[in-house]
All heavy atoms as atom14 arrays in JSON, in Angstrom:
{
  "sequence": "GNMARQFHEVVGTPNARFHNVFYYGNTALLVLDTGEDKPDDTKV",
  "atom14_mask": [
    [1, 1, 1, 1, 0, 0, 0, 0, 0, 0, 0, 0, 0, 0],
    [1, 1, 1, 1, 1, 1, 1, 1, 0, 0, 0, 0, 0, 0],
    [1, 1, 1, 1, 1, 1, 1, 1, 0, 0, 0, 0, 0, 0],
    [1, 1, 1, 1, 1, 0, 0, 0, 0, 0, 0, 0, 0, 0],
    [1, 1, 1, 1, 1, 1, 1, 1, 1, 1, 1, 0, 0, 0],
    [1, 1, 1, 1, 1, 1, 1, 1, 1, 0, 0, 0, 0, 0],
    [1, 1, 1, 1, 1, 1, 1, 1, 1, 1, 1, 0, 0, 0],
    [1, 1, 1, 1, 1, 1, 1, 1, 1, 1, 0, 0, 0, 0],
    [1, 1, 1, 1, 1, 1, 1, 1, 1, 0, 0, 0, 0, 0],
    [1, 1, 1, 1, 1, 1, 1, 0, 0, 0, 0, 0, 0, 0],
    [1, 1, 1, 1, 1, 1, 1, 0, 0, 0, 0, 0, 0, 0],
    [1, 1, 1, 1, 0, 0, 0, 0, 0, 0, 0, 0, 0, 0],
    [1, 1, 1, 1, 1, 1, 1, 0, 0, 0, 0, 0, 0, 0],
    [1, 1, 1, 1, 1, 1, 1, 0, 0, 0, 0, 0, 0, 0],
    [1, 1, 1, 1, 1, 1, 1, 1, 0, 0, 0, 0, 0, 0],
    [1, 1, 1, 1, 1, 0, 0, 0, 0, 0, 0, 0, 0, 0],
    [1, 1, 1, 1, 1, 1, 1, 1, 1, 1, 1, 0, 0, 0],
    [1, 1, 1, 1, 1, 1, 1, 1, 1, 1, 1, 0, 0, 0],
    [1, 1, 1, 1, 1, 1, 1, 1, 1, 1, 0, 0, 0, 0],
    [1, 1, 1, 1, 1, 1, 1, 1, 0, 0, 0, 0, 0, 0],
    [1, 1, 1, 1, 1, 1, 1, 0, 0, 0, 0, 0, 0, 0],
    [1, 1, 1, 1, 1, 1, 1, 1, 1, 1, 1, 0, 0, 0],
    [1, 1, 1, 1, 1, 1, 1, 1, 1, 1, 1, 1, 0, 0],
    [1, 1, 1, 1, 1, 1, 1, 1, 1, 1, 1, 1, 0, 0],
    [1, 1, 1, 1, 0, 0, 0, 0, 0, 0, 0, 0, 0, 0],
    [1, 1, 1, 1, 1, 1, 1, 1, 0, 0, 0, 0, 0, 0],
    [1, 1, 1, 1, 1, 1, 1, 0, 0, 0, 0, 0, 0, 0],
    [1, 1, 1, 1, 1, 0, 0, 0, 0, 0, 0, 0, 0, 0],
    [1, 1, 1, 1, 1, 1, 1, 1, 0, 0, 0, 0, 0, 0],
    [1, 1, 1, 1, 1, 1, 1, 1, 0, 0, 0, 0, 0, 0],
    [1, 1, 1, 1, 1, 1, 1, 0, 0, 0, 0, 0, 0, 0],
    [1, 1, 1, 1, 1, 1, 1, 1, 0, 0, 0, 0, 0, 0],
    [1, 1, 1, 1, 1, 1, 1, 1, 0, 0, 0, 0, 0, 0],
    [1, 1, 1, 1, 1, 1, 1, 0, 0, 0, 0, 0, 0, 0],
    [1, 1, 1, 1, 0, 0, 0, 0, 0, 0, 0, 0, 0, 0],
    [1, 1, 1, 1, 1, 1, 1, 1, 1, 0, 0, 0, 0, 0],
    [1, 1, 1, 1, 1, 1, 1, 1, 0, 0, 0, 0, 0, 0],
    [1, 1, 1, 1, 1, 1, 1, 1, 1, 0, 0, 0, 0, 0],
    [1, 1, 1, 1, 1, 1, 1, 0, 0, 0, 0, 0, 0, 0],
    [1, 1, 1, 1, 1, 1, 1, 1, 0, 0, 0, 0, 0, 0],
    [1, 1, 1, 1, 1, 1, 1, 1, 0, 0, 0, 0, 0, 0],
    [1, 1, 1, 1, 1, 1, 1, 0, 0, 0, 0, 0, 0, 0],
    [1, 1, 1, 1, 1, 1, 1, 1, 1, 0, 0, 0, 0, 0],
    [1, 1, 1, 1, 1, 1, 1, 0, 0, 0, 0, 0, 0, 0]
  ],
  "atom14_positions": [
    [[-356.28, 28.54, -135.41], [-355.27, 27.73, -135.92], [-355.83, 27.14, -137.21], [-356.95, 26.71, -137.36], [0.0, 0.0, 0.0], [0.0, 0.0, 0.0], [0.0, 0.0, 0.0], [0.0, 0.0, 0.0], [0.0, 0.0, 0.0], [0.0, 0.0, 0.0], [0.0, 0.0, 0.0], [0.0, 0.0, 0.0], [0.0, 0.0, 0.0], [0.0, 0.0, 0.0]],
    [[-354.89, 26.73, -138.17], [-355.13, 26.23, -139.55], [-355.71, 24.86, -139.36], [-356.15, 24.27, -140.48], [-354.06, 26.38, -140.44], [-352.83, 25.78, -139.94], [-352.84, 24.8, -139.31], [-351.72, 26.44, -140.36], [0.0, 0.0, 0.0], [0.0, 0.0, 0.0], [0.0, 0.0, 0.0], [0.0, 0.0, 0.0], [0.0, 0.0, 0.0], [0.0, 0.0, 0.0]],
    [[-355.65, 24.2, -138.19], [-356.11, 22.76, -137.98], [-357.28, 22.52, -137.2], [-357.78, 21.58, -136.88], [-355.0, 21.93, -137.65], [-353.8, 21.74, -138.7], [-352.64, 20.36, -138.02], [-353.68, 18.9, -138.09], [0.0, 0.0, 0.0], [0.0, 0.0, 0.0], [0.0, 0.0, 0.0], [0.0, 0.0, 0.0], [0.0, 0.0, 0.0], [0.0, 0.0, 0.0]],
    [[-357.89, 23.89, -136.69], [-359.09, 23.82, -135.82], [-360.2, 22.98, -136.33], [-360.79, 22.51, -135.55], [-359.36, 25.2, -135.54], [0.0, 0.0, 0.0], [0.0, 0.0, 0.0], [0.0, 0.0, 0.0], [0.0, 0.0, 0.0], [0.0, 0.0, 0.0], [0.0, 0.0, 0.0], [0.0, 0.0, 0.0], [0.0, 0.0, 0.0], [0.0, 0.0, 0.0]],
    [[-360.3, 23.02, -137.59], [-361.46, 22.22, -138.2], [-361.19, 20.83, -138.22], [-362.15, 20.0, -138.6], [-361.8, 22.88, -139.61], [-362.44, 24.16, -139.54], [-361.98, 25.05, -140.79], [-362.63, 26.38, -140.55], [-362.07, 27.32, -139.93], [-360.91, 27.22, -139.18], [-362.63, 28.52, -139.7], [0.0, 0.0, 0.0], [0.0, 0.0, 0.0], [0.0, 0.0, 0.0]],
    [[-360.05, 20.37, -137.85], [-359.79, 18.9, -137.76], [-359.72, 18.46, -136.27], [-359.29, 17.37, -136.01], [-358.51, 18.55, -138.36], [-358.57, 18.64, -139.91], [-358.5, 19.9, -140.52], [-357.58, 20.61, -140.27], [-359.32, 20.25, -141.32], [0.0, 0.0, 0.0], [0.0, 0.0, 0.0], [0.0, 0.0, 0.0], [0.0, 0.0, 0.0], [0.0, 0.0, 0.0]],
    [[-360.06, 19.28, -135.31], [-359.92, 19.01, -133.9], [-360.73, 17.76, -133.46], [-360.32, 16.99, -132.59], [-360.21, 20.21, -132.93], [-359.91, 20.04, -131.64], [-358.51, 19.78, -131.25], [-360.79, 20.09, -130.47], [-358.13, 19.77, -129.99], [-360.32, 19.99, -129.28], [-359.1, 19.81, -128.87], [0.0, 0.0, 0.0], [0.0, 0.0, 0.0], [0.0, 0.0, 0.0]],
    [[-361.81, 17.58, -134.15], [-362.74, 16.45, -133.85], [-362.13, 15.11, -134.14], [-362.61, 14.11, -133.7], [-364.07, 16.58, -134.55], [-363.81, 16.47, -136.22], [-363.53, 17.45, -136.89], [-363.98, 15.35, -136.96], [-363.35, 17.07, -138.02], [-363.74, 15.79, -138.18], [0.0, 0.0, 0.0], [0.0, 0.0, 0.0], [0.0, 0.0, 0.0], [0.0, 0.0, 0.0]],
    [[-361.05, 15.06, -134.85], [-360.29, 13.88, -135.17], [-359.42, 13.35, -134.12], [-359.04, 12.21, -134.13], [-359.45, 14.01, -136.39], [-360.17, 14.42, -137.73], [-359.35, 14.68, -138.89], [-358.05, 14.57, -138.76], [-359.8, 14.89, -140.03], [0.0, 0.0, 0.0], [0.0, 0.0, 0.0], [0.0, 0.0, 0.0], [0.0, 0.0, 0.0], [0.0, 0.0, 0.0]],
    [[-359.14, 14.23, -133.03], [-358.34, 13.67, -131.94], [-359.06, 13.72, -130.6], [-358.59, 13.18, -129.57], [-356.95, 14.63, -131.9], [-356.1, 14.37, -132.94], [-357.33, 16.05, -131.65], [0.0, 0.0, 0.0], [0.0, 0.0, 0.0], [0.0, 0.0, 0.0], [0.0, 0.0, 0.0], [0.0, 0.0, 0.0], [0.0, 0.0, 0.0], [0.0, 0.0, 0.0]],
    [[-360.2, 14.3, -130.45], [-361.14, 14.29, -129.35], [-362.41, 13.68, -129.69], [-362.95, 13.77, -130.83], [-361.21, 15.62, -128.57], [-359.75, 15.94, -128.06], [-361.89, 16.47, -129.49], [0.0, 0.0, 0.0], [0.0, 0.0, 0.0], [0.0, 0.0, 0.0], [0.0, 0.0, 0.0], [0.0, 0.0, 0.0], [0.0, 0.0, 0.0], [0.0, 0.0, 0.0]],
    [[-363.17, 12.98, -128.7], [-364.41, 12.35, -128.95], [-365.55, 13.4, -129.22], [-365.78, 14.29, -128.33], [0.0, 0.0, 0.0], [0.0, 0.0, 0.0], [0.0, 0.0, 0.0], [0.0, 0.0, 0.0], [0.0, 0.0, 0.0], [0.0, 0.0, 0.0], [0.0, 0.0, 0.0], [0.0, 0.0, 0.0], [0.0, 0.0, 0.0], [0.0, 0.0, 0.0]],
    [[-366.28, 13.25, -130.14], [-367.39, 14.03, -130.56], [-368.5, 13.19, -130.94], [-368.79, 12.99, -132.04], [-367.0, 15.14, -131.63], [-366.61, 14.45, -132.77], [-366.02, 16.14, -131.29], [0.0, 0.0, 0.0], [0.0, 0.0, 0.0], [0.0, 0.0, 0.0], [0.0, 0.0, 0.0], [0.0, 0.0, 0.0], [0.0, 0.0, 0.0], [0.0, 0.0, 0.0]],
    [[-369.33, 12.67, -129.86], [-370.47, 11.96, -130.33], [-371.47, 12.82, -131.21], [-371.53, 13.95, -131.15], [-371.12, 11.75, -128.89], [-370.07, 11.96, -127.82], [-369.13, 12.95, -128.41], [0.0, 0.0, 0.0], [0.0, 0.0, 0.0], [0.0, 0.0, 0.0], [0.0, 0.0, 0.0], [0.0, 0.0, 0.0], [0.0, 0.0, 0.0], [0.0, 0.0, 0.0]],
    [[-372.01, 12.13, -132.15], [-372.95, 12.8, -133.05], [-372.22, 13.94, -133.9], [-372.88, 14.81, -134.35], [-374.12, 13.43, -132.27], [-374.82, 12.49, -131.43], [-375.23, 11.35, -131.97], [-375.09, 12.69, -130.21], [0.0, 0.0, 0.0], [0.0, 0.0, 0.0], [0.0, 0.0, 0.0], [0.0, 0.0, 0.0], [0.0, 0.0, 0.0], [0.0, 0.0, 0.0]],
    [[-370.95, 13.76, -133.92], [-370.1, 14.69, -134.84], [-370.28, 16.14, -134.47], [-370.33, 17.08, -135.34], [-370.37, 14.35, -136.28], [0.0, 0.0, 0.0], [0.0, 0.0, 0.0], [0.0, 0.0, 0.0], [0.0, 0.0, 0.0], [0.0, 0.0, 0.0], [0.0, 0.0, 0.0], [0.0, 0.0, 0.0], [0.0, 0.0, 0.0], [0.0, 0.0, 0.0]],
    [[-370.34, 16.5, -133.12], [-370.54, 17.85, -132.63], [-369.97, 17.93, -131.29], [-369.76, 17.1, -130.57], [-372.03, 18.22, -132.64], [-372.91, 17.41, -131.64], [-374.3, 17.49, -131.87], [-375.12, 16.84, -130.83], [-376.34, 16.41, -131.0], [-377.08, 16.72, -132.13], [-376.99, 15.7, -130.1], [0.0, 0.0, 0.0], [0.0, 0.0, 0.0], [0.0, 0.0, 0.0]],
    [[-369.63, 19.14, -130.87], [-369.02, 19.49, -129.76], [-369.98, 19.78, -128.47], [-369.53, 20.08, -127.47], [-368.09, 20.65, -129.76], [-366.77, 20.28, -130.56], [-366.52, 20.59, -131.92], [-365.76, 19.59, -130.0], [-365.43, 20.39, -132.67], [-364.59, 19.21, -130.65], [-364.48, 19.69, -131.94], [0.0, 0.0, 0.0], [0.0, 0.0, 0.0], [0.0, 0.0, 0.0]],
    [[-371.25, 19.73, -128.71], [-372.38, 19.92, -127.68], [-373.05, 18.57, -127.64], [-373.51, 18.07, -128.66], [-373.18, 21.05, -127.93], [-373.86, 21.1, -129.34], [-373.14, 21.59, -130.44], [-375.1, 20.93, -129.73], [-373.93, 21.54, -131.44], [-375.03, 21.15, -131.09], [0.0, 0.0, 0.0], [0.0, 0.0, 0.0], [0.0, 0.0, 0.0], [0.0, 0.0, 0.0]],
    [[-373.18, 18.05, -126.39], [-373.79, 16.83, -126.24], [-374.24, 16.56, -124.78], [-374.0, 17.53, -124.0], [-372.67, 15.57, -126.48], [-372.61, 15.4, -127.95], [-373.37, 14.65, -128.69], [-371.44, 15.98, -128.51], [0.0, 0.0, 0.0], [0.0, 0.0, 0.0], [0.0, 0.0, 0.0], [0.0, 0.0, 0.0], [0.0, 0.0, 0.0], [0.0, 0.0, 0.0]],
    [[-374.91, 15.42, -124.56], [-375.26, 15.1, -123.19], [-374.72, 13.78, -122.86], [-374.94, 12.84, -123.64], [-376.81, 15.03, -122.98], [-377.13, 14.88, -121.37], [-377.41, 16.37, -123.34], [0.0, 0.0, 0.0], [0.0, 0.0, 0.0], [0.0, 0.0, 0.0], [0.0, 0.0, 0.0], [0.0, 0.0, 0.0], [0.0, 0.0, 0.0], [0.0, 0.0, 0.0]],
    [[-373.93, 13.67, -121.76], [-373.5, 12.42, -121.37], [-374.24, 11.97, -120.05], [-374.45, 12.71, -119.1], [-372.06, 12.37, -120.98], [-371.12, 12.64, -122.19], [-370.91, 13.96, -122.51], [-370.55, 11.64, -122.92], [-370.18, 14.23, -123.63], [-369.84, 11.82, -124.03], [-369.49, 13.22, -124.38], [0.0, 0.0, 0.0], [0.0, 0.0, 0.0], [0.0, 0.0, 0.0]],
    [[-374.83, 10.65, -120.01], [-375.51, 10.24, -118.79], [-374.73, 9.1, -118.07], [-374.29, 8.22, -118.66], [-376.83, 9.62, -119.3], [-377.86, 10.64, -119.9], [-377.96, 10.69, -121.29], [-378.63, 11.47, -119.14], [-378.77, 11.66, -121.93], [-379.45, 12.43, -119.64], [-379.42, 12.57, -121.01], [-380.3, 13.49, -121.44], [0.0, 0.0, 0.0], [0.0, 0.0, 0.0]],
    [[-374.48, 9.37, -116.78], [-373.95, 8.48, -115.83], [-375.04, 8.27, -114.76], [-375.14, 9.1, -113.94], [-372.68, 9.11, -115.27], [-371.36, 8.71, -116.08], [-371.13, 9.47, -117.19], [-370.43, 7.88, -115.55], [-369.88, 9.23, -117.87], [-369.38, 7.42, -116.31], [-369.04, 8.16, -117.59], [-368.0, 7.87, -118.2], [0.0, 0.0, 0.0], [0.0, 0.0, 0.0]],
    [[-375.56, 7.11, -114.72], [-376.61, 6.82, -113.79], [-377.65, 7.95, -113.67], [-378.29, 8.26, -114.79], [0.0, 0.0, 0.0], [0.0, 0.0, 0.0], [0.0, 0.0, 0.0], [0.0, 0.0, 0.0], [0.0, 0.0, 0.0], [0.0, 0.0, 0.0], [0.0, 0.0, 0.0], [0.0, 0.0, 0.0], [0.0, 0.0, 0.0], [0.0, 0.0, 0.0]],
    [[-377.96, 8.5, -112.59], [-379.03, 9.51, -112.48], [-378.52, 10.99, -112.62], [-379.13, 12.06, -112.41], [-379.76, 9.41, -111.09], [-378.83, 9.66, -109.96], [-377.66, 10.03, -110.1], [-379.36, 9.39, -108.7], [0.0, 0.0, 0.0], [0.0, 0.0, 0.0], [0.0, 0.0, 0.0], [0.0, 0.0, 0.0], [0.0, 0.0, 0.0], [0.0, 0.0, 0.0]],
    [[-377.21, 11.13, -113.26], [-376.63, 12.42, -113.44], [-376.56, 12.6, -114.96], [-376.09, 11.85, -115.67], [-375.26, 12.48, -112.91], [-375.33, 12.34, -111.43], [-374.61, 13.81, -113.1], [0.0, 0.0, 0.0], [0.0, 0.0, 0.0], [0.0, 0.0, 0.0], [0.0, 0.0, 0.0], [0.0, 0.0, 0.0], [0.0, 0.0, 0.0], [0.0, 0.0, 0.0]],
    [[-376.9, 13.9, -115.41], [-376.88, 14.3, -116.7], [-375.62, 15.34, -116.94], [-375.75, 16.32, -116.19], [-378.11, 14.94, -117.34], [0.0, 0.0, 0.0], [0.0, 0.0, 0.0], [0.0, 0.0, 0.0], [0.0, 0.0, 0.0], [0.0, 0.0, 0.0], [0.0, 0.0, 0.0], [0.0, 0.0, 0.0], [0.0, 0.0, 0.0], [0.0, 0.0, 0.0]],
    [[-374.72, 15.11, -117.68], [-373.65, 16.12, -117.85], [-373.93, 16.77, -119.18], [-373.71, 16.19, -120.33], [-372.27, 15.35, -117.85], [-371.71, 14.72, -116.61], [-370.52, 14.01, -116.75], [-371.82, 15.63, -115.42], [0.0, 0.0, 0.0], [0.0, 0.0, 0.0], [0.0, 0.0, 0.0], [0.0, 0.0, 0.0], [0.0, 0.0, 0.0], [0.0, 0.0, 0.0]],
    [[-374.3, 18.02, -119.16], [-374.59, 18.75, -120.41], [-373.47, 19.57, -120.84], [-372.93, 20.43, -120.2], [-375.8, 19.68, -120.01], [-376.22, 20.59, -121.23], [-376.84, 19.68, -122.39], [-377.43, 21.49, -120.58], [0.0, 0.0, 0.0], [0.0, 0.0, 0.0], [0.0, 0.0, 0.0], [0.0, 0.0, 0.0], [0.0, 0.0, 0.0], [0.0, 0.0, 0.0]],
    [[-372.89, 19.19, -122.06], [-371.72, 19.87, -122.6], [-372.14, 20.85, -123.61], [-372.77, 20.44, -124.67], [-370.77, 18.74, -123.13], [-369.57, 19.42, -123.83], [-370.25, 17.77, -122.06], [0.0, 0.0, 0.0], [0.0, 0.0, 0.0], [0.0, 0.0, 0.0], [0.0, 0.0, 0.0], [0.0, 0.0, 0.0], [0.0, 0.0, 0.0], [0.0, 0.0, 0.0]],
    [[-371.74, 22.09, -123.44], [-371.99, 23.05, -124.38], [-370.66, 23.73, -125.04], [-369.69, 23.81, -124.29], [-372.97, 24.29, -123.78], [-374.16, 23.76, -123.26], [-375.02, 24.85, -122.34], [-375.15, 23.35, -124.43], [0.0, 0.0, 0.0], [0.0, 0.0, 0.0], [0.0, 0.0, 0.0], [0.0, 0.0, 0.0], [0.0, 0.0, 0.0], [0.0, 0.0, 0.0]],
    [[-370.95, 24.2, -126.15], [-369.67, 24.77, -126.99], [-369.76, 26.23, -127.12], [-370.55, 26.71, -127.78], [-369.53, 24.03, -128.29], [-368.28, 24.51, -129.1], [-367.53, 25.2, -128.51], [-368.18, 24.1, -130.26], [0.0, 0.0, 0.0], [0.0, 0.0, 0.0], [0.0, 0.0, 0.0], [0.0, 0.0, 0.0], [0.0, 0.0, 0.0], [0.0, 0.0, 0.0]],
    [[-369.09, 26.9, -126.34], [-369.35, 28.5, -126.18], [-368.73, 29.24, -127.29], [-368.93, 30.34, -127.37], [-368.84, 28.96, -124.74], [-367.54, 28.55, -124.54], [-369.48, 28.29, -123.61], [0.0, 0.0, 0.0], [0.0, 0.0, 0.0], [0.0, 0.0, 0.0], [0.0, 0.0, 0.0], [0.0, 0.0, 0.0], [0.0, 0.0, 0.0], [0.0, 0.0, 0.0]],
    [[-367.76, 28.53, -128.1], [-367.2, 29.34, -129.25], [-366.18, 30.49, -128.83], [-365.59, 30.28, -127.74], [0.0, 0.0, 0.0], [0.0, 0.0, 0.0], [0.0, 0.0, 0.0], [0.0, 0.0, 0.0], [0.0, 0.0, 0.0], [0.0, 0.0, 0.0], [0.0, 0.0, 0.0], [0.0, 0.0, 0.0], [0.0, 0.0, 0.0], [0.0, 0.0, 0.0]],
    [[-366.03, 31.33, -129.75], [-365.07, 32.43, -129.49], [-365.61, 33.49, -128.58], [-366.77, 33.7, -128.4], [-364.7, 32.99, -130.89], [-363.4, 32.43, -131.52], [-362.19, 32.9, -130.74], [-362.25, 33.39, -129.5], [-360.95, 32.62, -131.2], [0.0, 0.0, 0.0], [0.0, 0.0, 0.0], [0.0, 0.0, 0.0], [0.0, 0.0, 0.0], [0.0, 0.0, 0.0]],
    [[-364.65, 34.24, -128.18], [-365.05, 35.37, -127.13], [-365.51, 36.66, -127.78], [-366.23, 37.29, -127.24], [-363.97, 35.5, -125.94], [-362.64, 35.69, -126.54], [-362.45, 35.76, -127.89], [-361.68, 35.94, -125.79], [0.0, 0.0, 0.0], [0.0, 0.0, 0.0], [0.0, 0.0, 0.0], [0.0, 0.0, 0.0], [0.0, 0.0, 0.0], [0.0, 0.0, 0.0]],
    [[-364.64, 36.94, -128.94], [-364.91, 38.27, -129.5], [-365.91, 38.18, -130.61], [-366.29, 37.13, -131.05], [-363.62, 38.64, -130.01], [-362.6, 39.03, -129.03], [-361.18, 39.38, -129.61], [-360.38, 38.18, -129.97], [-359.98, 37.28, -128.96], [0.0, 0.0, 0.0], [0.0, 0.0, 0.0], [0.0, 0.0, 0.0], [0.0, 0.0, 0.0], [0.0, 0.0, 0.0]],
    [[-366.49, 39.39, -131.12], [-367.5, 39.3, -132.22], [-366.79, 38.6, -133.45], [-365.73, 38.58, -133.73], [-367.71, 40.8, -132.49], [-367.36, 41.58, -131.22], [-366.21, 40.67, -130.67], [0.0, 0.0, 0.0], [0.0, 0.0, 0.0], [0.0, 0.0, 0.0], [0.0, 0.0, 0.0], [0.0, 0.0, 0.0], [0.0, 0.0, 0.0], [0.0, 0.0, 0.0]],
    [[-367.75, 38.08, -134.21], [-367.31, 37.35, -135.47], [-366.71, 38.19, -136.46], [-365.88, 37.65, -137.37], [-368.67, 36.67, -136.19], [-369.2, 35.54, -135.44], [-368.46, 34.89, -134.59], [-370.45, 35.4, -135.43], [0.0, 0.0, 0.0], [0.0, 0.0, 0.0], [0.0, 0.0, 0.0], [0.0, 0.0, 0.0], [0.0, 0.0, 0.0], [0.0, 0.0, 0.0]],
    [[-366.98, 39.47, -136.48], [-366.35, 40.41, -137.54], [-365.07, 40.92, -136.99], [-364.47, 41.94, -137.6], [-367.52, 41.51, -137.89], [-367.7, 42.35, -136.74], [-367.3, 42.09, -135.59], [-368.69, 43.25, -137.0], [0.0, 0.0, 0.0], [0.0, 0.0, 0.0], [0.0, 0.0, 0.0], [0.0, 0.0, 0.0], [0.0, 0.0, 0.0], [0.0, 0.0, 0.0]],
    [[-364.54, 40.46, -135.85], [-363.17, 40.96, -135.49], [-362.21, 40.67, -136.47], [-362.13, 39.61, -137.14], [-362.81, 40.21, -134.13], [-363.86, 40.44, -133.14], [-361.47, 40.6, -133.64], [0.0, 0.0, 0.0], [0.0, 0.0, 0.0], [0.0, 0.0, 0.0], [0.0, 0.0, 0.0], [0.0, 0.0, 0.0], [0.0, 0.0, 0.0], [0.0, 0.0, 0.0]],
    [[-361.32, 41.63, -136.77], [-360.45, 41.56, -137.92], [-359.61, 40.29, -137.94], [-359.33, 39.59, -139.03], [-359.58, 42.79, -137.94], [-358.73, 42.96, -139.13], [-357.86, 44.23, -139.11], [-357.01, 44.3, -140.46], [-356.2, 45.65, -140.4], [0.0, 0.0, 0.0], [0.0, 0.0, 0.0], [0.0, 0.0, 0.0], [0.0, 0.0, 0.0], [0.0, 0.0, 0.0]],
    [[-359.09, 39.8, -136.78], [-358.13, 38.78, -136.75], [-358.84, 37.39, -137.21], [-358.21, 36.38, -137.57], [-357.41, 38.43, -135.41], [-356.58, 39.74, -135.14], [-358.58, 38.33, -134.31], [0.0, 0.0, 0.0], [0.0, 0.0, 0.0], [0.0, 0.0, 0.0], [0.0, 0.0, 0.0], [0.0, 0.0, 0.0], [0.0, 0.0, 0.0], [0.0, 0.0, 0.0]]
  ]
}
């Protein structure tokens, strides 16, 4: 979508990125950003 590059304005992105680690006590929550499913050169 034409606003995908503004998505960080409505959801929290620590360190200005979509991959981070959140620590809750002795638990680490590792968040990874898997991106698109198809090859980058897909026509659409």
